[in-house]
Amino acid sequence: MKVRDLLIDASKWTTKTSARNAEGEACSPISKDAVCWCLSGAMLKCYPDTYYDHSWLEIERRLRNHLKILGEYSLLVWNDNPKRTFQDIRDLITTLDI
């Protein structure tokens, strides 16, 4: 599954933590109880077997390069920016095809 398939609508996205359960409590992004994810948590959920291998590093490199173009240097800070919208998230994951 790709991140774009997981973060299909705003109810699947969160900020200030990697993932949340149905009660809104923070949980592991790979937990069976997780119902929404931040962008980095969604990456961990979608690519758990590639964490820190070539595929993961390539995705991370593409994200970092794109965020630099946007004037940001941290995925977590970018995701958690109070002005960030779900459409911003969708635009990024669509552009990078992740």
PDB file of N, CA and C in Angstrom:
ATOM      1  N   MET A   1       0.843  -1.175   0.000  1.00  0.00           N
ATOM      2  CA  MET A   1       0.000   0.000   0.000  1.00  0.00           C
ATOM      3  C   MET A   1       0.886   1.235   0.000  1.00  0.00           C
ATOM      4  N   LYS A   2       0.486   2.223  -0.770  1.00  0.00           N
ATOM      5  CA  LYS A   2       1.207   3.488  -0.789  1.00  0.00           C
ATOM      6  C   LYS A   2       0.554   4.461   0.201  1.00  0.00           C
ATOM      7  N   VAL A   3       1.318   5.465   0.588  1.00  0.00           N
ATOM      8  CA  VAL A   3       0.819   6.485   1.517  1.00  0.00           C
ATOM      9  C   VAL A   3      -0.452   7.131   0.957  1.00  0.00           C
ATOM     10  N   ARG A   4      -0.466   7.378  -0.347  1.00  0.00           N
ATOM     11  CA  ARG A   4      -1.649   8.019  -0.944  1.00  0.00           C
ATOM     12  C   ARG A   4      -2.903   7.150  -0.807  1.00  0.00           C
ATOM     13  N   ASP A   5      -2.730   5.820  -0.680  1.00  0.00           N
ATOM     14  CA  ASP A   5      -3.861   4.916  -0.496  1.00  0.00           C
ATOM     15  C   ASP A   5      -4.321   4.881   0.958  1.00  0.00           C
ATOM     16  N   LEU A   6      -3.429   5.194   1.868  1.00  0.00           N
ATOM     17  CA  LEU A   6      -3.767   5.213   3.289  1.00  0.00           C
ATOM     18  C   LEU A   6      -4.398   6.544   3.693  1.00  0.00           C
ATOM     19  N   LEU A   7      -3.779   7.634   3.274  1.00  0.00           N
ATOM     20  CA  LEU A   7      -4.281   8.969   3.627  1.00  0.00           C
ATOM     21  C   LEU A   7      -5.271   9.425   2.551  1.00  0.00           C
ATOM     22  N   ILE A   8      -6.404   8.757   2.519  1.00  0.00           N
ATOM     23  CA  ILE A   8      -7.378   9.002   1.449  1.00  0.00           C
ATOM     24  C   ILE A   8      -8.303  10.184   1.723  1.00  0.00           C
ATOM     25  N   ASP A   9      -8.459  10.538   2.984  1.00  0.00           N
ATOM     26  CA  ASP A   9      -9.257  11.719   3.311  1.00  0.00           C
ATOM     27  C   ASP A   9      -8.756  12.298   4.628  1.00  0.00           C
ATOM     28  N   ALA A  10      -9.242  13.476   4.957  1.00  0.00           N
ATOM     29  CA  ALA A  10      -8.735  14.208   6.127  1.00  0.00           C
ATOM     30  C   ALA A  10      -8.913  13.439   7.436  1.00  0.00           C
ATOM     31  N   SER A  11      -9.884  12.546   7.508  1.00  0.00           N
ATOM     32  CA  SER A  11     -10.088  11.780   8.741  1.00  0.00           C
ATOM     33  C   SER A  11      -8.956  10.785   8.992  1.00  0.00           C
ATOM     34  N   LYS A  12      -8.154  10.517   7.989  1.00  0.00           N
ATOM     35  CA  LYS A  12      -7.044   9.563   8.112  1.00  0.00           C
ATOM     36  C   LYS A  12      -5.723  10.242   8.452  1.00  0.00           C
ATOM     37  N   TRP A  13      -5.724  11.562   8.562  1.00  0.00           N
ATOM     38  CA  TRP A  13      -4.504  12.329   8.817  1.00  0.00           C
ATOM     39  C   TRP A  13      -4.541  12.931  10.218  1.00  0.00           C
ATOM     40  N   THR A  14      -3.377  13.004  10.852  1.00  0.00           N
ATOM     41  CA  THR A  14      -3.276  13.627  12.162  1.00  0.00           C
ATOM     42  C   THR A  14      -1.994  14.442  12.264  1.00  0.00           C
ATOM     43  N   THR A  15      -1.888  15.192  13.318  1.00  0.00           N
ATOM     44  CA  THR A  15      -0.683  15.963  13.616  1.00  0.00           C
ATOM     45  C   THR A  15      -0.290  15.729  15.067  1.00  0.00           C
ATOM     46  N   LYS A  16       0.924  16.146  15.400  1.00  0.00           N
ATOM     47  CA  LYS A  16       1.457  16.117  16.769  1.00  0.00           C
ATOM     48  C   LYS A  16       1.749  14.722  17.306  1.00  0.00           C
ATOM     49  N   THR A  17       1.526  13.679  16.520  1.00  0.00           N
ATOM     50  CA  THR A  17       1.881  12.306  16.890  1.00  0.00           C
ATOM     51  C   THR A  17       1.888  11.462  15.626  1.00  0.00           C
ATOM     52  N   SER A  18       2.557  10.335  15.669  1.00  0.00           N
ATOM     53  CA  SER A  18       2.671   9.480  14.482  1.00  0.00           C
ATOM     54  C   SER A  18       1.348   8.867  14.051  1.00  0.00           C
ATOM     55  N   ALA A  19       0.515   8.514  15.042  1.00  0.00           N
ATOM     56  CA  ALA A  19      -0.781   7.891  14.742  1.00  0.00           C
ATOM     57  C   ALA A  19      -1.694   8.018  15.946  1.00  0.00           C
ATOM     58  N   ARG A  20      -2.977   7.834  15.682  1.00  0.00           N
ATOM     59  CA  ARG A  20      -3.980   7.869  16.748  1.00  0.00           C
ATOM     60  C   ARG A  20      -4.952   6.708  16.562  1.00  0.00           C
ATOM     61  N   ASN A  21      -5.519   6.267  17.685  1.00  0.00           N
ATOM     62  CA  ASN A  21      -6.555   5.239  17.626  1.00  0.00           C
ATOM     63  C   ASN A  21      -7.926   5.909  17.515  1.00  0.00           C
ATOM     64  N   ALA A  22      -8.986   5.120  17.520  1.00  0.00           N
ATOM     65  CA  ALA A  22     -10.343   5.647  17.349  1.00  0.00           C
ATOM     66  C   ALA A  22     -10.742   6.609  18.468  1.00  0.00           C
ATOM     67  N   GLU A  23     -10.105   6.492  19.627  1.00  0.00           N
ATOM     68  CA  GLU A  23     -10.394   7.396  20.748  1.00  0.00           C
ATOM     69  C   GLU A  23      -9.574   8.677  20.674  1.00  0.00           C
ATOM     70  N   GLY A  24      -8.734   8.800  19.669  1.00  0.00           N
ATOM     71  CA  GLY A  24      -7.902   9.985  19.505  1.00  0.00           C
ATOM     72  C   GLY A  24      -6.614   9.950  20.293  1.00  0.00           C
ATOM     73  N   GLU A  25      -6.314   8.810  20.898  1.00  0.00           N
ATOM     74  CA  GLU A  25      -5.094   8.674  21.684  1.00  0.00           C
ATOM     75  C   GLU A  25      -3.926   8.296  20.785  1.00  0.00           C
ATOM     76  N   ALA A  26      -2.742   8.784  21.123  1.00  0.00           N
ATOM     77  CA  ALA A  26      -1.540   8.444  20.364  1.00  0.00           C
ATOM     78  C   ALA A  26      -1.277   6.949  20.444  1.00  0.00           C
ATOM     79  N   CYS A  27      -0.843   6.380  19.324  1.00  0.00           N
ATOM     80  CA  CYS A  27      -0.488   4.963  19.283  1.00  0.00           C
ATOM     81  C   CYS A  27       0.590   4.766  18.223  1.00  0.00           C
ATOM     82  N   SER A  28       1.112   3.580  18.151  1.00  0.00           N
ATOM     83  CA  SER A  28       2.126   3.253  17.151  1.00  0.00           C
ATOM     84  C   SER A  28       1.504   3.296  15.759  1.00  0.00           C
ATOM     85  N   PRO A  29       2.218   3.807  14.767  1.00  0.00           N
ATOM     86  CA  PRO A  29       1.665   3.848  13.415  1.00  0.00           C
ATOM     87  C   PRO A  29       1.440   2.463  12.812  1.00  0.00           C
ATOM     88  N   ILE A  30       2.084   1.447  13.367  1.00  0.00           N
ATOM     89  CA  ILE A  30       1.871   0.098  12.843  1.00  0.00           C
ATOM     90  C   ILE A  30       0.890  -0.711  13.698  1.00  0.00           C
ATOM     91  N   SER A  31       0.311  -0.072  14.703  1.00  0.00           N
ATOM     92  CA  SER A  31      -0.687  -0.736  15.546  1.00  0.00           C
ATOM     93  C   SER A  31      -1.945  -1.049  14.747  1.00  0.00           C
ATOM     94  N   LYS A  32      -2.565  -2.177  15.061  1.00  0.00           N
ATOM     95  CA  LYS A  32      -3.836  -2.519  14.419  1.00  0.00           C
ATOM     96  C   LYS A  32      -4.938  -1.553  14.841  1.00  0.00           C
ATOM     97  N   ASP A  33      -4.720  -0.814  15.923  1.00  0.00           N
ATOM     98  CA  ASP A  33      -5.715   0.140  16.421  1.00  0.00           C
ATOM     99  C   ASP A  33      -5.609   1.511  15.767  1.00  0.00           C
ATOM    100  N   ALA A  34      -4.536   1.770  15.036  1.00  0.00           N
ATOM    101  CA  ALA A  34      -4.343   3.082  14.412  1.00  0.00           C
ATOM    102  C   ALA A  34      -5.401   3.318  13.335  1.00  0.00           C
ATOM    103  N   VAL A  35      -5.971   4.530  13.370  1.00  0.00           N
ATOM    104  CA  VAL A  35      -7.001   4.894  12.377  1.00  0.00           C
ATOM    105  C   VAL A  35      -6.628   6.159  11.603  1.00  0.00           C
ATOM    106  N   CYS A  36      -5.622   6.891  12.095  1.00  0.00           N
ATOM    107  CA  CYS A  36      -5.140   8.068  11.371  1.00  0.00           C
ATOM    108  C   CYS A  36      -3.657   8.244  11.664  1.00  0.00           C
ATOM    109  N   TRP A  37      -2.949   8.872  10.717  1.00  0.00           N
ATOM    110  CA  TRP A  37      -1.497   8.948  10.751  1.00  0.00           C
ATOM    111  C   TRP A  37      -1.010  10.319  10.313  1.00  0.00           C
ATOM    112  N   CYS A  38       0.133  10.745  10.853  1.00  0.00           N
ATOM    113  CA  CYS A  38       0.833  11.892  10.281  1.00  0.00           C
ATOM    114  C   CYS A  38       1.566  11.363   9.055  1.00  0.00           C
ATOM    115  N   LEU A  39       2.185  12.228   8.302  1.00  0.00           N
ATOM    116  CA  LEU A  39       2.844  11.782   7.079  1.00  0.00           C
ATOM    117  C   LEU A  39       3.959  10.776   7.365  1.00  0.00           C
ATOM    118  N   SER A  40       4.783  11.030   8.368  1.00  0.00           N
ATOM    119  CA  SER A  40       5.862  10.079   8.665  1.00  0.00           C
ATOM    120  C   SER A  40       5.310   8.776   9.227  1.00  0.00           C
ATOM    121  N   GLY A  41       4.261   8.846  10.031  1.00  0.00           N
ATOM    122  CA  GLY A  41       3.620   7.637  10.541  1.00  0.00           C
ATOM    123  C   GLY A  41       3.008   6.813   9.418  1.00  0.00           C
ATOM    124  N   ALA A  42       2.425   7.488   8.440  1.00  0.00           N
ATOM    125  CA  ALA A  42       1.855   6.794   7.282  1.00  0.00           C
ATOM    126  C   ALA A  42       2.954   6.097   6.488  1.00  0.00           C
ATOM    127  N   MET A  43       4.113   6.717   6.403  1.00  0.00           N
ATOM    128  CA  MET A  43       5.235   6.077   5.706  1.00  0.00           C
ATOM    129  C   MET A  43       5.652   4.800   6.431  1.00  0.00           C
ATOM    130  N   LEU A  44       5.722   4.857   7.757  1.00  0.00           N
ATOM    131  CA  LEU A  44       6.070   3.661   8.529  1.00  0.00           C
ATOM    132  C   LEU A  44       5.018   2.569   8.369  1.00  0.00           C
ATOM    133  N   LYS A  45       3.754   2.956   8.338  1.00  0.00           N
ATOM    134  CA  LYS A  45       2.666   1.986   8.165  1.00  0.00           C
ATOM    135  C   LYS A  45       2.740   1.336   6.781  1.00  0.00           C
ATOM    136  N   CYS A  46       2.978   2.130   5.765  1.00  0.00           N
ATOM    137  CA  CYS A  46       2.937   1.635   4.388  1.00  0.00           C
ATOM    138  C   CYS A  46       4.217   0.927   3.954  1.00  0.00           C
ATOM    139  N   TYR A  47       5.323   1.286   4.548  1.00  0.00           N
ATOM    140  CA  TYR A  47       6.604   0.716   4.136  1.00  0.00           C
ATOM    141  C   TYR A  47       7.368   0.133   5.327  1.00  0.00           C
ATOM    142  N   PRO A  48       6.741  -0.708   6.157  1.00  0.00           N
ATOM    143  CA  PRO A  48       7.424  -1.192   7.369  1.00  0.00           C
ATOM    144  C   PRO A  48       8.616  -2.093   7.078  1.00  0.00           C
ATOM    145  N   ASP A  49       8.561  -2.834   6.004  1.00  0.00           N
ATOM    146  CA  ASP A  49       9.642  -3.768   5.702  1.00  0.00           C
ATOM    147  C   ASP A  49      10.811  -3.103   4.993  1.00  0.00           C
ATOM    148  N   THR A  50      10.635  -1.846   4.613  1.00  0.00           N
ATOM    149  CA  THR A  50      11.709  -1.164   3.890  1.00  0.00           C
ATOM    150  C   THR A  50      12.359  -0.072   4.725  1.00  0.00           C
ATOM    151  N   TYR A  51      11.986   0.025   5.994  1.00  0.00           N
ATOM    152  CA  TYR A  51      12.524   1.065   6.861  1.00  0.00           C
ATOM    153  C   TYR A  51      14.048   1.024   6.845  1.00  0.00           C
ATOM    154  N   TYR A  52      14.631   2.115   6.419  1.00  0.00           N
ATOM    155  CA  TYR A  52      16.078   2.308   6.337  1.00  0.00           C
ATOM    156  C   TYR A  52      16.777   1.407   5.323  1.00  0.00           C
ATOM    157  N   ASP A  53      16.040   0.801   4.425  1.00  0.00           N
ATOM    158  CA  ASP A  53      16.738   0.158   3.322  1.00  0.00           C
ATOM    159  C   ASP A  53      16.692   1.119   2.131  1.00  0.00           C
ATOM    160  N   HIS A  54      17.126   0.678   0.991  1.00  0.00           N
ATOM    161  CA  HIS A  54      17.232   1.545  -0.175  1.00  0.00           C
ATOM    162  C   HIS A  54      15.907   2.222  -0.515  1.00  0.00           C
ATOM    163  N   SER A  55      14.801   1.498  -0.491  1.00  0.00           N
ATOM    164  CA  SER A  55      13.497   2.072  -0.856  1.00  0.00           C
ATOM    165  C   SER A  55      13.112   3.200   0.095  1.00  0.00           C
ATOM    166  N   TRP A  56      13.246   2.951   1.390  1.00  0.00           N
ATOM    167  CA  TRP A  56      12.891   3.962   2.388  1.00  0.00           C
ATOM    168  C   TRP A  56      13.773   5.196   2.230  1.00  0.00           C
ATOM    169  N   LEU A  57      15.057   4.971   2.080  1.00  0.00           N
ATOM    170  CA  LEU A  57      15.980   6.092   1.966  1.00  0.00           C
ATOM    171  C   LEU A  57      15.704   6.913   0.712  1.00  0.00           C
ATOM    172  N   GLU A  58      15.315   6.256  -0.360  1.00  0.00           N
ATOM    173  CA  GLU A  58      14.972   6.973  -1.594  1.00  0.00           C
ATOM    174  C   GLU A  58      13.729   7.838  -1.391  1.00  0.00           C
ATOM    175  N   ILE A  59      12.709   7.296  -0.744  1.00  0.00           N
ATOM    176  CA  ILE A  59      11.492   8.070  -0.463  1.00  0.00           C
ATOM    177  C   ILE A  59      11.826   9.251   0.445  1.00  0.00           C
ATOM    178  N   GLU A  60      12.606   8.987   1.483  1.00  0.00           N
ATOM    179  CA  GLU A  60      12.989  10.048   2.412  1.00  0.00           C
ATOM    180  C   GLU A  60      13.785  11.139   1.697  1.00  0.00           C
ATOM    181  N   ARG A  61      14.698  10.748   0.808  1.00  0.00           N
ATOM    182  CA  ARG A  61      15.487  11.720   0.051  1.00  0.00           C
ATOM    183  C   ARG A  61      14.588  12.582  -0.827  1.00  0.00           C
ATOM    184  N   ARG A  62      13.635  11.969  -1.512  1.00  0.00           N
ATOM    185  CA  ARG A  62      12.719  12.720  -2.354  1.00  0.00           C
ATOM    186  C   ARG A  62      11.877  13.679  -1.524  1.00  0.00           C
ATOM    187  N   LEU A  63      11.413  13.237  -0.362  1.00  0.00           N
ATOM    188  CA  LEU A  63      10.644  14.115   0.525  1.00  0.00           C
ATOM    189  C   LEU A  63      11.486  15.298   0.982  1.00  0.00           C
ATOM    190  N   ARG A  64      12.702  15.013   1.453  1.00  0.00           N
ATOM    191  CA  ARG A  64      13.582  16.084   1.930  1.00  0.00           C
ATOM    192  C   ARG A  64      13.852  17.108   0.836  1.00  0.00           C
ATOM    193  N   ASN A  65      14.155  16.624  -0.363  1.00  0.00           N
ATOM    194  CA  ASN A  65      14.429  17.538  -1.477  1.00  0.00           C
ATOM    195  C   ASN A  65      13.214  18.383  -1.809  1.00  0.00           C
ATOM    196  N   HIS A  66      12.029  17.794  -1.795  1.00  0.00           N
ATOM    197  CA  HIS A  66      10.823  18.551  -2.106  1.00  0.00           C
ATOM    198  C   HIS A  66      10.513  19.565  -1.001  1.00  0.00           C
ATOM    199  N   LEU A  67      10.697  19.169   0.242  1.00  0.00           N
ATOM    200  CA  LEU A  67      10.443  20.097   1.344  1.00  0.00           C
ATOM    201  C   LEU A  67      11.405  21.284   1.300  1.00  0.00           C
ATOM    202  N   LYS A  68      12.651  21.046   0.900  1.00  0.00           N
ATOM    203  CA  LYS A  68      13.607  22.152   0.781  1.00  0.00           C
ATOM    204  C   LYS A  68      13.108  23.172  -0.240  1.00  0.00           C
ATOM    205  N   ILE A  69      12.536  22.675  -1.322  1.00  0.00           N
ATOM    206  CA  ILE A  69      11.963  23.575  -2.333  1.00  0.00           C
ATOM    207  C   ILE A  69      10.856  24.416  -1.706  1.00  0.00           C
ATOM    208  N   LEU A  70      10.107  23.813  -0.774  1.00  0.00           N
ATOM    209  CA  LEU A  70       9.023  24.522  -0.097  1.00  0.00           C
ATOM    210  C   LEU A  70       9.530  25.388   1.057  1.00  0.00           C
ATOM    211  N   GLY A  71      10.837  25.357   1.310  1.00  0.00           N
ATOM    212  CA  GLY A  71      11.413  26.164   2.381  1.00  0.00           C
ATOM    213  C   GLY A  71      11.352  25.509   3.747  1.00  0.00           C
ATOM    214  N   GLU A  72      11.163  24.208   3.794  1.00  0.00           N
ATOM    215  CA  GLU A  72      11.098  23.456   5.052  1.00  0.00           C
ATOM    216  C   GLU A  72      12.236  22.450   5.092  1.00  0.00           C
ATOM    217  N   TYR A  73      12.633  22.071   6.295  1.00  0.00           N
ATOM    218  CA  TYR A  73      13.721  21.112   6.421  1.00  0.00           C
ATOM    219  C   TYR A  73      13.360  19.925   7.294  1.00  0.00           C
ATOM    220  N   SER A  74      12.189  19.922   7.859  1.00  0.00           N
ATOM    221  CA  SER A  74      11.769  18.829   8.724  1.00  0.00           C
ATOM    222  C   SER A  74      10.367  18.371   8.331  1.00  0.00           C
ATOM    223  N   LEU A  75      10.236  17.091   8.046  1.00  0.00           N
ATOM    224  CA  LEU A  75       8.938  16.530   7.704  1.00  0.00           C
ATOM    225  C   LEU A  75       7.958  16.680   8.863  1.00  0.00           C
ATOM    226  N   LEU A  76       8.429  16.457  10.081  1.00  0.00           N
ATOM    227  CA  LEU A  76       7.557  16.560  11.248  1.00  0.00           C
ATOM    228  C   LEU A  76       7.059  17.990  11.453  1.00  0.00           C
ATOM    229  N   VAL A  77       7.957  18.950  11.317  1.00  0.00           N
ATOM    230  CA  VAL A  77       7.563  20.354  11.467  1.00  0.00           C
ATOM    231  C   VAL A  77       6.598  20.741  10.351  1.00  0.00           C
ATOM    232  N   TRP A  78       6.882  20.310   9.137  1.00  0.00           N
ATOM    233  CA  TRP A  78       6.007  20.629   8.001  1.00  0.00           C
ATOM    234  C   TRP A  78       4.627  20.038   8.220  1.00  0.00           C
ATOM    235  N   ASN A  79       4.547  18.760   8.597  1.00  0.00           N
ATOM    236  CA  ASN A  79       3.263  18.098   8.834  1.00  0.00           C
ATOM    237  C   ASN A  79       2.476  18.792   9.948  1.00  0.00           C
ATOM    238  N   ASP A  80       3.169  19.194  11.011  1.00  0.00           N
ATOM    239  CA  ASP A  80       2.501  19.739  12.198  1.00  0.00           C
ATOM    240  C   ASP A  80       2.267  21.240  12.166  1.00  0.00           C
ATOM    241  N   ASN A  81       2.663  21.898  11.098  1.00  0.00           N
ATOM    242  CA  ASN A  81       2.430  23.333  10.973  1.00  0.00           C
ATOM    243  C   ASN A  81       0.930  23.611  11.074  1.00  0.00           C
ATOM    244  N   PRO A  82       0.514  24.509  11.968  1.00  0.00           N
ATOM    245  CA  PRO A  82      -0.917  24.782  12.132  1.00  0.00           C
ATOM    246  C   PRO A  82      -1.617  25.254  10.849  1.00  0.00           C
ATOM    247  N   LYS A  83      -0.845  25.776   9.920  1.00  0.00           N
ATOM    248  CA  LYS A  83      -1.434  26.233   8.654  1.00  0.00           C
ATOM    249  C   LYS A  83      -1.528  25.116   7.615  1.00  0.00           C
ATOM    250  N   ARG A  84      -0.951  23.956   7.933  1.00  0.00           N
ATOM    251  CA  ARG A  84      -0.953  22.837   6.994  1.00  0.00           C
ATOM    252  C   ARG A  84      -2.366  22.301   6.820  1.00  0.00           C
ATOM    253  N   THR A  85      -2.722  22.003   5.604  1.00  0.00           N
ATOM    254  CA  THR A  85      -4.040  21.429   5.324  1.00  0.00           C
ATOM    255  C   THR A  85      -3.867  20.006   4.788  1.00  0.00           C
ATOM    256  N   PHE A  86      -4.943  19.252   4.846  1.00  0.00           N
ATOM    257  CA  PHE A  86      -4.901  17.913   4.287  1.00  0.00           C
ATOM    258  C   PHE A  86      -4.608  17.966   2.790  1.00  0.00           C
ATOM    259  N   GLN A  87      -5.113  18.995   2.126  1.00  0.00           N
ATOM    260  CA  GLN A  87      -4.839  19.124   0.690  1.00  0.00           C
ATOM    261  C   GLN A  87      -3.341  19.284   0.432  1.00  0.00           C
ATOM    262  N   ASP A  88      -2.627  19.981   1.323  1.00  0.00           N
ATOM    263  CA  ASP A  88      -1.168  20.086   1.201  1.00  0.00           C
ATOM    264  C   ASP A  88      -0.527  18.696   1.262  1.00  0.00           C
ATOM    265  N   ILE A  89      -1.009  17.880   2.184  1.00  0.00           N
ATOM    266  CA  ILE A  89      -0.498  16.516   2.330  1.00  0.00           C
ATOM    267  C   ILE A  89      -0.764  15.722   1.057  1.00  0.00           C
ATOM    268  N   ARG A  90      -2.004  15.771   0.570  1.00  0.00           N
ATOM    269  CA  ARG A  90      -2.368  15.046  -0.655  1.00  0.00           C
ATOM    270  C   ARG A  90      -1.534  15.519  -1.841  1.00  0.00           C
ATOM    271  N   ASP A  91      -1.344  16.809  -1.952  1.00  0.00           N
ATOM    272  CA  ASP A  91      -0.547  17.345  -3.068  1.00  0.00           C
ATOM    273  C   ASP A  91       0.880  16.800  -3.026  1.00  0.00           C
ATOM    274  N   LEU A  92       1.459  16.762  -1.834  1.00  0.00           N
ATOM    275  CA  LEU A  92       2.833  16.273  -1.691  1.00  0.00           C
ATOM    276  C   LEU A  92       2.926  14.787  -2.040  1.00  0.00           C
ATOM    277  N   ILE A  93       2.053  13.974  -1.475  1.00  0.00           N
ATOM    278  CA  ILE A  93       2.166  12.534  -1.730  1.00  0.00           C
ATOM    279  C   ILE A  93       1.811  12.179  -3.170  1.00  0.00           C
ATOM    280  N   THR A  94       0.954  12.977  -3.790  1.00  0.00           N
ATOM    281  CA  THR A  94       0.627  12.760  -5.202  1.00  0.00           C
ATOM    282  C   THR A  94       1.803  13.161  -6.081  1.00  0.00           C
ATOM    283  N   THR A  95       2.387  14.310  -5.799  1.00  0.00           N
ATOM    284  CA  THR A  95       3.533  14.786  -6.572  1.00  0.00           C
ATOM    285  C   THR A  95       4.689  13.794  -6.509  1.00  0.00           C
ATOM    286  N   LEU A  96       4.947  13.257  -5.313  1.00  0.00           N
ATOM    287  CA  LEU A  96       6.077  12.352  -5.138  1.00  0.00           C
ATOM    288  C   LEU A  96       5.718  10.894  -5.399  1.00  0.00           C
ATOM    289  N   ASP A  97       4.444  10.613  -5.610  1.00  0.00           N
ATOM    290  CA  ASP A  97       3.970   9.257  -5.884  1.00  0.00           C
ATOM    291  C   ASP A  97       4.418   8.273  -4.815  1.00  0.00           C
ATOM    292  N   ILE A  98       4.075   8.620  -3.574  1.00  0.00           N
ATOM    293  CA  ILE A  98       4.429   7.719  -2.460  1.00  0.00           C
ATOM    294  C   ILE A  98       3.184   7.147  -1.830  1.00  0.00           C
TER     295      ILE A  98
END
